[in-house]
């Protein structure tokens, strides 16, 4: 089980838990504002863009090549950007904080 904290653009914090799926699925299933997941999690839209808290970067790891390519189209990219559809929910990410980028 992993607990994930989402911070929306309006500053609202939501603590959610899951044990399977992707972080994007968790966010969409719980109506996290700003995470749409329009492509359904196949890394082709960037509507699930998040900024990983710097202290949690090692837990999520760096984006893969396809994910980096998608992030190039987003205006709010930082060195801590990830697409939440590409972050699997595992115990390894327990306790991470993600700020919704859009």
PDB file of N, CA and C in Angstrom:
ATOM      1  N   UNK A   1       0.851  -1.175   0.000  1.00  0.00           N
ATOM      2  CA  UNK A   1       0.000   0.000   0.000  1.00  0.00           C
ATOM      3  C   UNK A   1       0.895   1.237   0.000  1.00  0.00           C
ATOM      4  N   UNK A   2       0.504   2.224  -0.796  1.00  0.00           N
ATOM      5  CA  UNK A   2       1.255   3.473  -0.879  1.00  0.00           C
ATOM      6  C   UNK A   2       0.323   4.642  -0.603  1.00  0.00           C
ATOM      7  N   UNK A   3       0.794   5.563   0.227  1.00  0.00           N
ATOM      8  CA  UNK A   3       0.074   6.805   0.476  1.00  0.00           C
ATOM      9  C   UNK A   3       0.746   7.881  -0.361  1.00  0.00           C
ATOM     10  N   UNK A   4      -0.058   8.613  -1.123  1.00  0.00           N
ATOM     11  CA  UNK A   4       0.445   9.646  -2.019  1.00  0.00           C
ATOM     12  C   UNK A   4      -0.309  10.933  -1.722  1.00  0.00           C
ATOM     13  N   UNK A   5       0.443  12.018  -1.570  1.00  0.00           N
ATOM     14  CA  UNK A   5      -0.167  13.321  -1.346  1.00  0.00           C
ATOM     15  C   UNK A   5      -0.116  14.119  -2.638  1.00  0.00           C
ATOM     16  N   UNK A   6      -1.271  14.589  -3.073  1.00  0.00           N
ATOM     17  CA  UNK A   6      -1.390  15.449  -4.243  1.00  0.00           C
ATOM     18  C   UNK A   6      -1.646  16.868  -3.753  1.00  0.00           C
ATOM     19  N   UNK A   7      -0.959  17.829  -4.362  1.00  0.00           N
ATOM     20  CA  UNK A   7      -1.219  19.241  -4.086  1.00  0.00           C
ATOM     21  C   UNK A   7      -1.712  19.852  -5.394  1.00  0.00           C
ATOM     22  N   UNK A   8      -2.947  20.337  -5.393  1.00  0.00           N
ATOM     23  CA  UNK A   8      -3.534  20.904  -6.598  1.00  0.00           C
ATOM     24  C   UNK A   8      -3.055  22.340  -6.797  1.00  0.00           C
ATOM     25  N   UNK A   9      -3.352  22.896  -7.952  1.00  0.00           N
ATOM     26  CA  UNK A   9      -2.931  24.258  -8.271  1.00  0.00           C
ATOM     27  C   UNK A   9      -3.515  25.286  -7.306  1.00  0.00           C
ATOM     28  N   UNK A  10      -4.659  24.997  -6.711  1.00  0.00           N
ATOM     29  CA  UNK A  10      -5.248  25.937  -5.748  1.00  0.00           C
ATOM     30  C   UNK A  10      -4.765  25.683  -4.319  1.00  0.00           C
ATOM     31  N   UNK A  11      -3.764  24.798  -4.155  1.00  0.00           N
ATOM     32  CA  UNK A  11      -3.155  24.553  -2.849  1.00  0.00           C
ATOM     33  C   UNK A  11      -3.837  23.488  -2.006  1.00  0.00           C
ATOM     34  N   UNK A  12      -4.879  22.884  -2.517  1.00  0.00           N
ATOM     35  CA  UNK A  12      -5.578  21.837  -1.766  1.00  0.00           C
ATOM     36  C   UNK A  12      -4.716  20.569  -1.730  1.00  0.00           C
ATOM     37  N   UNK A  13      -4.619  19.955  -0.547  1.00  0.00           N
ATOM     38  CA  UNK A  13      -3.857  18.716  -0.394  1.00  0.00           C
ATOM     39  C   UNK A  13      -4.813  17.544  -0.227  1.00  0.00           C
ATOM     40  N   UNK A  14      -4.534  16.485  -0.993  1.00  0.00           N
ATOM     41  CA  UNK A  14      -5.330  15.267  -0.892  1.00  0.00           C
ATOM     42  C   UNK A  14      -4.391  14.109  -0.630  1.00  0.00           C
ATOM     43  N   UNK A  15      -4.627  13.370   0.429  1.00  0.00           N
ATOM     44  CA  UNK A  15      -3.848  12.170   0.727  1.00  0.00           C
ATOM     45  C   UNK A  15      -4.673  10.963   0.303  1.00  0.00           C
ATOM     46  N   UNK A  16      -4.131  10.206  -0.644  1.00  0.00           N
ATOM     47  CA  UNK A  16      -4.836   9.043  -1.173  1.00  0.00           C
ATOM     48  C   UNK A  16      -3.963   7.805  -1.017  1.00  0.00           C
ATOM     49  N   UNK A  17      -4.591   6.650  -0.963  1.00  0.00           N
ATOM     50  CA  UNK A  17      -3.851   5.396  -0.858  1.00  0.00           C
ATOM     51  C   UNK A  17      -4.305   4.431  -1.940  1.00  0.00           C
ATOM     52  N   UNK A  18      -3.373   3.599  -2.354  1.00  0.00           N
ATOM     53  CA  UNK A  18      -3.664   2.561  -3.348  1.00  0.00           C
ATOM     54  C   UNK A  18      -2.615   1.472  -3.214  1.00  0.00           C
ATOM     55  N   UNK A  19      -2.885   0.334  -3.835  1.00  0.00           N
ATOM     56  CA  UNK A  19      -1.882  -0.732  -3.846  1.00  0.00           C
ATOM     57  C   UNK A  19      -1.631  -1.290  -5.240  1.00  0.00           C
ATOM     58  N   UNK A  20      -2.377  -0.789  -6.234  1.00  0.00           N
ATOM     59  CA  UNK A  20      -2.172  -1.232  -7.614  1.00  0.00           C
ATOM     60  C   UNK A  20      -2.426  -0.081  -8.573  1.00  0.00           C
ATOM     61  N   UNK A  21      -2.106  -0.295  -9.836  1.00  0.00           N
ATOM     62  CA  UNK A  21      -2.377   0.687 -10.876  1.00  0.00           C
ATOM     63  C   UNK A  21      -1.285   1.732 -10.986  1.00  0.00           C
ATOM     64  N   UNK A  22      -1.646   2.840 -11.605  1.00  0.00           N
ATOM     65  CA  UNK A  22      -0.712   3.946 -11.758  1.00  0.00           C
ATOM     66  C   UNK A  22      -1.169   5.113 -10.882  1.00  0.00           C
ATOM     67  N   UNK A  23      -0.267   6.038 -10.666  1.00  0.00           N
ATOM     68  CA  UNK A  23      -0.598   7.235  -9.897  1.00  0.00           C
ATOM     69  C   UNK A  23      -1.688   8.028 -10.623  1.00  0.00           C
ATOM     70  N   UNK A  24      -1.640   8.058 -11.949  1.00  0.00           N
ATOM     71  CA  UNK A  24      -2.673   8.755 -12.718  1.00  0.00           C
ATOM     72  C   UNK A  24      -4.042   8.134 -12.484  1.00  0.00           C
ATOM     73  N   UNK A  25      -4.129   6.811 -12.489  1.00  0.00           N
ATOM     74  CA  UNK A  25      -5.411   6.144 -12.247  1.00  0.00           C
ATOM     75  C   UNK A  25      -5.948   6.492 -10.866  1.00  0.00           C
ATOM     76  N   UNK A  26      -5.069   6.516  -9.880  1.00  0.00           N
ATOM     77  CA  UNK A  26      -5.472   6.887  -8.524  1.00  0.00           C
ATOM     78  C   UNK A  26      -6.048   8.300  -8.515  1.00  0.00           C
ATOM     79  N   UNK A  27      -5.360   9.223  -9.183  1.00  0.00           N
ATOM     80  CA  UNK A  27      -5.809  10.617  -9.218  1.00  0.00           C
ATOM     81  C   UNK A  27      -7.143  10.768  -9.944  1.00  0.00           C
ATOM     82  N   UNK A  28      -7.262  10.145 -11.108  1.00  0.00           N
ATOM     83  CA  UNK A  28      -8.500  10.248 -11.890  1.00  0.00           C
ATOM     84  C   UNK A  28      -9.670   9.621 -11.129  1.00  0.00           C
ATOM     85  N   UNK A  29      -9.449   8.465 -10.538  1.00  0.00           N
ATOM     86  CA  UNK A  29     -10.515   7.786  -9.798  1.00  0.00           C
ATOM     87  C   UNK A  29     -10.971   8.557  -8.569  1.00  0.00           C
ATOM     88  N   UNK A  30     -10.130   9.493  -8.112  1.00  0.00           N
ATOM     89  CA  UNK A  30     -10.468  10.303  -6.936  1.00  0.00           C
ATOM     90  C   UNK A  30     -10.665  11.774  -7.285  1.00  0.00           C
ATOM     91  N   UNK A  31     -10.849  12.058  -8.567  1.00  0.00           N
ATOM     92  CA  UNK A  31     -11.161  13.408  -9.069  1.00  0.00           C
ATOM     93  C   UNK A  31     -10.175  14.476  -8.605  1.00  0.00           C
ATOM     94  N   UNK A  32      -8.889  14.161  -8.678  1.00  0.00           N
ATOM     95  CA  UNK A  32      -7.870  15.162  -8.343  1.00  0.00           C
ATOM     96  C   UNK A  32      -7.880  16.223  -9.442  1.00  0.00           C
ATOM     97  N   UNK A  33      -8.155  17.444  -9.064  1.00  0.00           N
ATOM     98  CA  UNK A  33      -8.252  18.551 -10.013  1.00  0.00           C
ATOM     99  C   UNK A  33      -6.929  18.764 -10.741  1.00  0.00           C
ATOM    100  N   UNK A  34      -7.006  18.832 -12.079  1.00  0.00           N
ATOM    101  CA  UNK A  34      -5.821  19.084 -12.890  1.00  0.00           C
ATOM    102  C   UNK A  34      -5.183  17.845 -13.479  1.00  0.00           C
ATOM    103  N   UNK A  35      -5.621  16.674 -13.055  1.00  0.00           N
ATOM    104  CA  UNK A  35      -5.115  15.434 -13.639  1.00  0.00           C
ATOM    105  C   UNK A  35      -6.271  14.782 -14.389  1.00  0.00           C
ATOM    106  N   UNK A  36      -6.170  14.846 -15.726  1.00  0.00           N
ATOM    107  CA  UNK A  36      -7.257  14.357 -16.570  1.00  0.00           C
ATOM    108  C   UNK A  36      -7.011  12.963 -17.125  1.00  0.00           C
ATOM    109  N   UNK A  37      -5.781  12.658 -17.477  1.00  0.00           N
ATOM    110  CA  UNK A  37      -5.481  11.338 -18.039  1.00  0.00           C
ATOM    111  C   UNK A  37      -6.247  11.064 -19.314  1.00  0.00           C
ATOM    112  N   UNK A  38      -6.312  12.049 -20.198  1.00  0.00           N
ATOM    113  CA  UNK A  38      -7.115  11.936 -21.419  1.00  0.00           C
ATOM    114  C   UNK A  38      -6.782  10.725 -22.278  1.00  0.00           C
ATOM    115  N   UNK A  39      -5.516  10.313 -22.306  1.00  0.00           N
ATOM    116  CA  UNK A  39      -5.126   9.192 -23.177  1.00  0.00           C
ATOM    117  C   UNK A  39      -5.322   7.837 -22.494  1.00  0.00           C
ATOM    118  N   UNK A  40      -5.741   7.846 -21.241  1.00  0.00           N
ATOM    119  CA  UNK A  40      -5.967   6.592 -20.536  1.00  0.00           C
ATOM    120  C   UNK A  40      -4.714   5.951 -19.979  1.00  0.00           C
ATOM    121  N   UNK A  41      -3.619   6.682 -19.996  1.00  0.00           N
ATOM    122  CA  UNK A  41      -2.392   6.172 -19.381  1.00  0.00           C
ATOM    123  C   UNK A  41      -1.385   5.577 -20.332  1.00  0.00           C
ATOM    124  N   UNK A  42      -1.474   5.914 -21.620  1.00  0.00           N
ATOM    125  CA  UNK A  42      -0.535   5.345 -22.587  1.00  0.00           C
ATOM    126  C   UNK A  42       0.585   6.323 -22.978  1.00  0.00           C
ATOM    127  N   UNK A  43       0.771   7.347 -22.177  1.00  0.00           N
ATOM    128  CA  UNK A  43       1.883   8.290 -22.356  1.00  0.00           C
ATOM    129  C   UNK A  43       1.800   9.021 -23.695  1.00  0.00           C
ATOM    130  N   UNK A  44       0.609   9.522 -24.023  1.00  0.00           N
ATOM    131  CA  UNK A  44       0.489  10.233 -25.296  1.00  0.00           C
ATOM    132  C   UNK A  44      -0.246  11.568 -25.204  1.00  0.00           C
ATOM    133  N   UNK A  45      -0.416  12.112 -23.979  1.00  0.00           N
ATOM    134  CA  UNK A  45      -1.140  13.386 -23.907  1.00  0.00           C
ATOM    135  C   UNK A  45      -0.576  14.383 -22.899  1.00  0.00           C
ATOM    136  N   UNK A  46       0.087  13.948 -21.871  1.00  0.00           N
ATOM    137  CA  UNK A  46       0.660  14.805 -20.813  1.00  0.00           C
ATOM    138  C   UNK A  46      -0.388  15.541 -19.985  1.00  0.00           C
ATOM    139  N   UNK A  47      -1.630  15.037 -19.947  1.00  0.00           N
ATOM    140  CA  UNK A  47      -2.642  15.667 -19.102  1.00  0.00           C
ATOM    141  C   UNK A  47      -2.625  15.125 -17.673  1.00  0.00           C
ATOM    142  N   UNK A  48      -1.555  14.435 -17.334  1.00  0.00           N
ATOM    143  CA  UNK A  48      -1.392  13.917 -15.969  1.00  0.00           C
ATOM    144  C   UNK A  48      -0.045  14.362 -15.393  1.00  0.00           C
ATOM    145  N   UNK A  49       0.460  15.473 -15.905  1.00  0.00           N
ATOM    146  CA  UNK A  49       1.767  16.010 -15.530  1.00  0.00           C
ATOM    147  C   UNK A  49       1.781  16.431 -14.060  1.00  0.00           C
ATOM    148  N   UNK A  50       2.799  15.974 -13.339  1.00  0.00           N
ATOM    149  CA  UNK A  50       2.995  16.348 -11.938  1.00  0.00           C
ATOM    150  C   UNK A  50       4.455  16.729 -11.712  1.00  0.00           C
ATOM    151  N   UNK A  51       4.680  17.479 -10.638  1.00  0.00           N
ATOM    152  CA  UNK A  51       6.029  17.784 -10.180  1.00  0.00           C
ATOM    153  C   UNK A  51       6.260  16.983  -8.902  1.00  0.00           C
ATOM    154  N   UNK A  52       7.258  16.136  -8.934  1.00  0.00           N
ATOM    155  CA  UNK A  52       7.608  15.313  -7.777  1.00  0.00           C
ATOM    156  C   UNK A  52       8.369  16.179  -6.782  1.00  0.00           C
ATOM    157  N   UNK A  53       8.023  16.075  -5.507  1.00  0.00           N
ATOM    158  CA  UNK A  53       8.777  16.806  -4.486  1.00  0.00           C
ATOM    159  C   UNK A  53      10.241  16.371  -4.577  1.00  0.00           C
ATOM    160  N   UNK A  54      11.168  17.335  -4.541  1.00  0.00           N
ATOM    161  CA  UNK A  54      12.588  16.989  -4.710  1.00  0.00           C
ATOM    162  C   UNK A  54      13.065  15.849  -3.809  1.00  0.00           C
ATOM    163  N   UNK A  55      12.601  15.814  -2.577  1.00  0.00           N
ATOM    164  CA  UNK A  55      13.040  14.770  -1.655  1.00  0.00           C
ATOM    165  C   UNK A  55      12.498  13.387  -2.020  1.00  0.00           C
ATOM    166  N   UNK A  56      11.521  13.345  -2.933  1.00  0.00           N
ATOM    167  CA  UNK A  56      10.921  12.070  -3.349  1.00  0.00           C
ATOM    168  C   UNK A  56      11.382  11.605  -4.719  1.00  0.00           C
ATOM    169  N   UNK A  57      12.248  12.382  -5.366  1.00  0.00           N
ATOM    170  CA  UNK A  57      12.668  12.072  -6.737  1.00  0.00           C
ATOM    171  C   UNK A  57      13.263  10.678  -6.863  1.00  0.00           C
ATOM    172  N   UNK A  58      14.064  10.282  -5.910  1.00  0.00           N
ATOM    173  CA  UNK A  58      14.690   8.951  -5.971  1.00  0.00           C
ATOM    174  C   UNK A  58      13.648   7.835  -5.905  1.00  0.00           C
ATOM    175  N   UNK A  59      12.543   8.086  -5.236  1.00  0.00           N
ATOM    176  CA  UNK A  59      11.491   7.065  -5.131  1.00  0.00           C
ATOM    177  C   UNK A  59      10.798   6.828  -6.470  1.00  0.00           C
ATOM    178  N   UNK A  60      10.601   7.893  -7.245  1.00  0.00           N
ATOM    179  CA  UNK A  60       9.892   7.742  -8.521  1.00  0.00           C
ATOM    180  C   UNK A  60      10.837   7.441  -9.666  1.00  0.00           C
ATOM    181  N   UNK A  61      12.065   7.913  -9.560  1.00  0.00           N
ATOM    182  CA  UNK A  61      13.023   7.733 -10.641  1.00  0.00           C
ATOM    183  C   UNK A  61      12.785   8.723 -11.765  1.00  0.00           C
ATOM    184  N   UNK A  62      13.667   8.712 -12.713  1.00  0.00           N
ATOM    185  CA  UNK A  62      13.618   9.634 -13.846  1.00  0.00           C
ATOM    186  C   UNK A  62      12.653   9.146 -14.919  1.00  0.00           C
ATOM    187  N   UNK A  63      12.139  10.072 -15.736  1.00  0.00           N
ATOM    188  CA  UNK A  63      11.260   9.660 -16.832  1.00  0.00           C
ATOM    189  C   UNK A  63      12.021   8.908 -17.910  1.00  0.00           C
ATOM    190  N   UNK A  64      11.334   7.993 -18.569  1.00  0.00           N
ATOM    191  CA  UNK A  64      11.908   7.288 -19.704  1.00  0.00           C
ATOM    192  C   UNK A  64      11.897   8.181 -20.937  1.00  0.00           C
ATOM    193  N   UNK A  65      12.454   7.685 -22.033  1.00  0.00           N
ATOM    194  CA  UNK A  65      12.579   8.481 -23.257  1.00  0.00           C
ATOM    195  C   UNK A  65      11.226   8.925 -23.808  1.00  0.00           C
ATOM    196  N   UNK A  66      10.260   8.024 -23.872  1.00  0.00           N
ATOM    197  CA  UNK A  66       8.948   8.384 -24.408  1.00  0.00           C
ATOM    198  C   UNK A  66       8.280   9.449 -23.526  1.00  0.00           C
ATOM    199  N   UNK A  67       8.425   9.294 -22.227  1.00  0.00           N
ATOM    200  CA  UNK A  67       7.858  10.260 -21.290  1.00  0.00           C
ATOM    201  C   UNK A  67       8.538  11.622 -21.447  1.00  0.00           C
ATOM    202  N   UNK A  68       9.848  11.631 -21.591  1.00  0.00           N
ATOM    203  CA  UNK A  68      10.576  12.890 -21.819  1.00  0.00           C
ATOM    204  C   UNK A  68      10.080  13.581 -23.077  1.00  0.00           C
ATOM    205  N   UNK A  69       9.839  12.815 -24.133  1.00  0.00           N
ATOM    206  CA  UNK A  69       9.337  13.384 -25.385  1.00  0.00           C
ATOM    207  C   UNK A  69       7.979  14.060 -25.174  1.00  0.00           C
ATOM    208  N   UNK A  70       7.089  13.438 -24.417  1.00  0.00           N
ATOM    209  CA  UNK A  70       5.771  14.025 -24.159  1.00  0.00           C
ATOM    210  C   UNK A  70       5.888  15.282 -23.305  1.00  0.00           C
ATOM    211  N   UNK A  71       6.782  15.262 -22.344  1.00  0.00           N
ATOM    212  CA  UNK A  71       6.942  16.422 -21.464  1.00  0.00           C
ATOM    213  C   UNK A  71       7.455  17.649 -22.211  1.00  0.00           C
ATOM    214  N   UNK A  72       8.144  17.445 -23.313  1.00  0.00           N
ATOM    215  CA  UNK A  72       8.648  18.576 -24.099  1.00  0.00           C
ATOM    216  C   UNK A  72       7.523  19.474 -24.603  1.00  0.00           C
ATOM    217  N   UNK A  73       6.312  18.957 -24.713  1.00  0.00           N
ATOM    218  CA  UNK A  73       5.177  19.728 -25.221  1.00  0.00           C
ATOM    219  C   UNK A  73       4.451  20.514 -24.133  1.00  0.00           C
ATOM    220  N   UNK A  74       4.859  20.355 -22.880  1.00  0.00           N
ATOM    221  CA  UNK A  74       4.184  21.026 -21.773  1.00  0.00           C
ATOM    222  C   UNK A  74       4.969  22.267 -21.364  1.00  0.00           C
ATOM    223  N   UNK A  75       4.268  23.342 -21.063  1.00  0.00           N
ATOM    224  CA  UNK A  75       4.911  24.608 -20.693  1.00  0.00           C
ATOM    225  C   UNK A  75       5.446  24.632 -19.259  1.00  0.00           C
ATOM    226  N   UNK A  76       4.956  23.764 -18.405  1.00  0.00           N
ATOM    227  CA  UNK A  76       5.295  23.818 -16.982  1.00  0.00           C
ATOM    228  C   UNK A  76       6.313  22.767 -16.550  1.00  0.00           C
ATOM    229  N   UNK A  77       7.195  22.379 -17.436  1.00  0.00           N
ATOM    230  CA  UNK A  77       8.162  21.326 -17.138  1.00  0.00           C
ATOM    231  C   UNK A  77       9.269  21.864 -16.223  1.00  0.00           C
ATOM    232  N   UNK A  78       9.615  21.056 -15.233  1.00  0.00           N
ATOM    233  CA  UNK A  78      10.756  21.328 -14.365  1.00  0.00           C
ATOM    234  C   UNK A  78      11.635  20.082 -14.352  1.00  0.00           C
ATOM    235  N   UNK A  79      12.753  20.158 -13.665  1.00  0.00           N
ATOM    236  CA  UNK A  79      13.617  18.974 -13.583  1.00  0.00           C
ATOM    237  C   UNK A  79      12.985  17.874 -12.733  1.00  0.00           C
ATOM    238  N   UNK A  80      11.869  18.175 -12.077  1.00  0.00           N
ATOM    239  CA  UNK A  80      11.168  17.183 -11.259  1.00  0.00           C
ATOM    240  C   UNK A  80       9.836  16.760 -11.885  1.00  0.00           C
ATOM    241  N   UNK A  81       9.682  16.992 -13.183  1.00  0.00           N
ATOM    242  CA  UNK A  81       8.450  16.639 -13.886  1.00  0.00           C
ATOM    243  C   UNK A  81       8.375  15.148 -14.184  1.00  0.00           C
ATOM    244  N   UNK A  82       7.174  14.625 -14.025  1.00  0.00           N
ATOM    245  CA  UNK A  82       6.855  13.252 -14.421  1.00  0.00           C
ATOM    246  C   UNK A  82       5.428  13.223 -14.925  1.00  0.00           C
ATOM    247  N   UNK A  83       5.119  12.236 -15.730  1.00  0.00           N
ATOM    248  CA  UNK A  83       3.740  11.953 -16.094  1.00  0.00           C
ATOM    249  C   UNK A  83       3.257  10.889 -15.119  1.00  0.00           C
ATOM    250  N   UNK A  84       2.192  11.194 -14.410  1.00  0.00           N
ATOM    251  CA  UNK A  84       1.752  10.277 -13.351  1.00  0.00           C
ATOM    252  C   UNK A  84       1.278   8.930 -13.893  1.00  0.00           C
ATOM    253  N   UNK A  85       0.954   8.866 -15.185  1.00  0.00           N
ATOM    254  CA  UNK A  85       0.568   7.576 -15.766  1.00  0.00           C
ATOM    255  C   UNK A  85       1.755   6.625 -15.865  1.00  0.00           C
ATOM    256  N   UNK A  86       2.951   7.167 -15.770  1.00  0.00           N
ATOM    257  CA  UNK A  86       4.157   6.354 -15.895  1.00  0.00           C
ATOM    258  C   UNK A  86       4.779   6.010 -14.540  1.00  0.00           C
ATOM    259  N   UNK A  87       4.096   6.358 -13.462  1.00  0.00           N
ATOM    260  CA  UNK A  87       4.562   6.029 -12.115  1.00  0.00           C
ATOM    261  C   UNK A  87       3.656   4.935 -11.553  1.00  0.00           C
ATOM    262  N   UNK A  88       4.146   3.715 -11.473  1.00  0.00           N
ATOM    263  CA  UNK A  88       3.318   2.643 -10.915  1.00  0.00           C
ATOM    264  C   UNK A  88       3.176   2.786  -9.399  1.00  0.00           C
ATOM    265  N   UNK A  89       2.014   2.419  -8.899  1.00  0.00           N
ATOM    266  CA  UNK A  89       1.798   2.418  -7.456  1.00  0.00           C
ATOM    267  C   UNK A  89       2.445   1.169  -6.882  1.00  0.00           C
ATOM    268  N   UNK A  90       3.455   1.384  -6.059  1.00  0.00           N
ATOM    269  CA  UNK A  90       4.128   0.305  -5.340  1.00  0.00           C
ATOM    270  C   UNK A  90       4.470   0.825  -3.949  1.00  0.00           C
ATOM    271  N   UNK A  91       4.878  -0.069  -3.084  1.00  0.00           N
ATOM    272  CA  UNK A  91       5.300   0.365  -1.750  1.00  0.00           C
ATOM    273  C   UNK A  91       6.513   1.288  -1.815  1.00  0.00           C
ATOM    274  N   UNK A  92       7.280   1.201  -2.888  1.00  0.00           N
ATOM    275  CA  UNK A  92       8.484   2.025  -3.032  1.00  0.00           C
ATOM    276  C   UNK A  92       8.175   3.516  -3.088  1.00  0.00           C
ATOM    277  N   UNK A  93       6.964   3.893  -3.500  1.00  0.00           N
ATOM    278  CA  UNK A  93       6.636   5.316  -3.585  1.00  0.00           C
ATOM    279  C   UNK A  93       5.804   5.801  -2.401  1.00  0.00           C
ATOM    280  N   UNK A  94       5.641   4.964  -1.405  1.00  0.00           N
ATOM    281  CA  UNK A  94       4.862   5.340  -0.224  1.00  0.00           C
ATOM    282  C   UNK A  94       5.389   6.649   0.361  1.00  0.00           C
ATOM    283  N   UNK A  95       4.474   7.579   0.591  1.00  0.00           N
ATOM    284  CA  UNK A  95       4.822   8.842   1.237  1.00  0.00           C
ATOM    285  C   UNK A  95       5.209   9.970   0.300  1.00  0.00           C
ATOM    286  N   UNK A  96       5.163   9.757  -1.019  1.00  0.00           N
ATOM    287  CA  UNK A  96       5.577  10.823  -1.935  1.00  0.00           C
ATOM    288  C   UNK A  96       4.544  11.950  -1.989  1.00  0.00           C
ATOM    289  N   UNK A  97       5.052  13.127  -2.366  1.00  0.00           N
ATOM    290  CA  UNK A  97       4.204  14.285  -2.569  1.00  0.00           C
ATOM    291  C   UNK A  97       4.355  14.725  -4.021  1.00  0.00           C
ATOM    292  N   UNK A  98       3.221  14.961  -4.664  1.00  0.00           N
ATOM    293  CA  UNK A  98       3.197  15.371  -6.070  1.00  0.00           C
ATOM    294  C   UNK A  98       2.364  16.639  -6.198  1.00  0.00           C
ATOM    295  N   UNK A  99       2.915  17.640  -6.871  1.00  0.00           N
ATOM    296  CA  UNK A  99       2.160  18.855  -7.156  1.00  0.00           C
ATOM    297  C   UNK A  99       1.637  18.772  -8.581  1.00  0.00           C
ATOM    298  N   UNK A 100       0.346  18.978  -8.739  1.00  0.00           N
ATOM    299  CA  UNK A 100      -0.271  18.951 -10.060  1.00  0.00           C
ATOM    300  C   UNK A 100       0.300  20.123 -10.859  1.00  0.00           C
ATOM    301  N   UNK A 101       0.799  19.847 -12.046  1.00  0.00           N
ATOM    302  CA  UNK A 101       1.500  20.868 -12.823  1.00  0.00           C
ATOM    303  C   UNK A 101       0.565  21.810 -13.562  1.00  0.00           C
ATOM    304  N   UNK A 102      -0.603  21.368 -13.920  1.00  0.00           N
ATOM    305  CA  UNK A 102      -1.509  22.211 -14.725  1.00  0.00           C
ATOM    306  C   UNK A 102      -2.814  22.461 -14.013  1.00  0.00           C
TER     307      UNK A 102
END
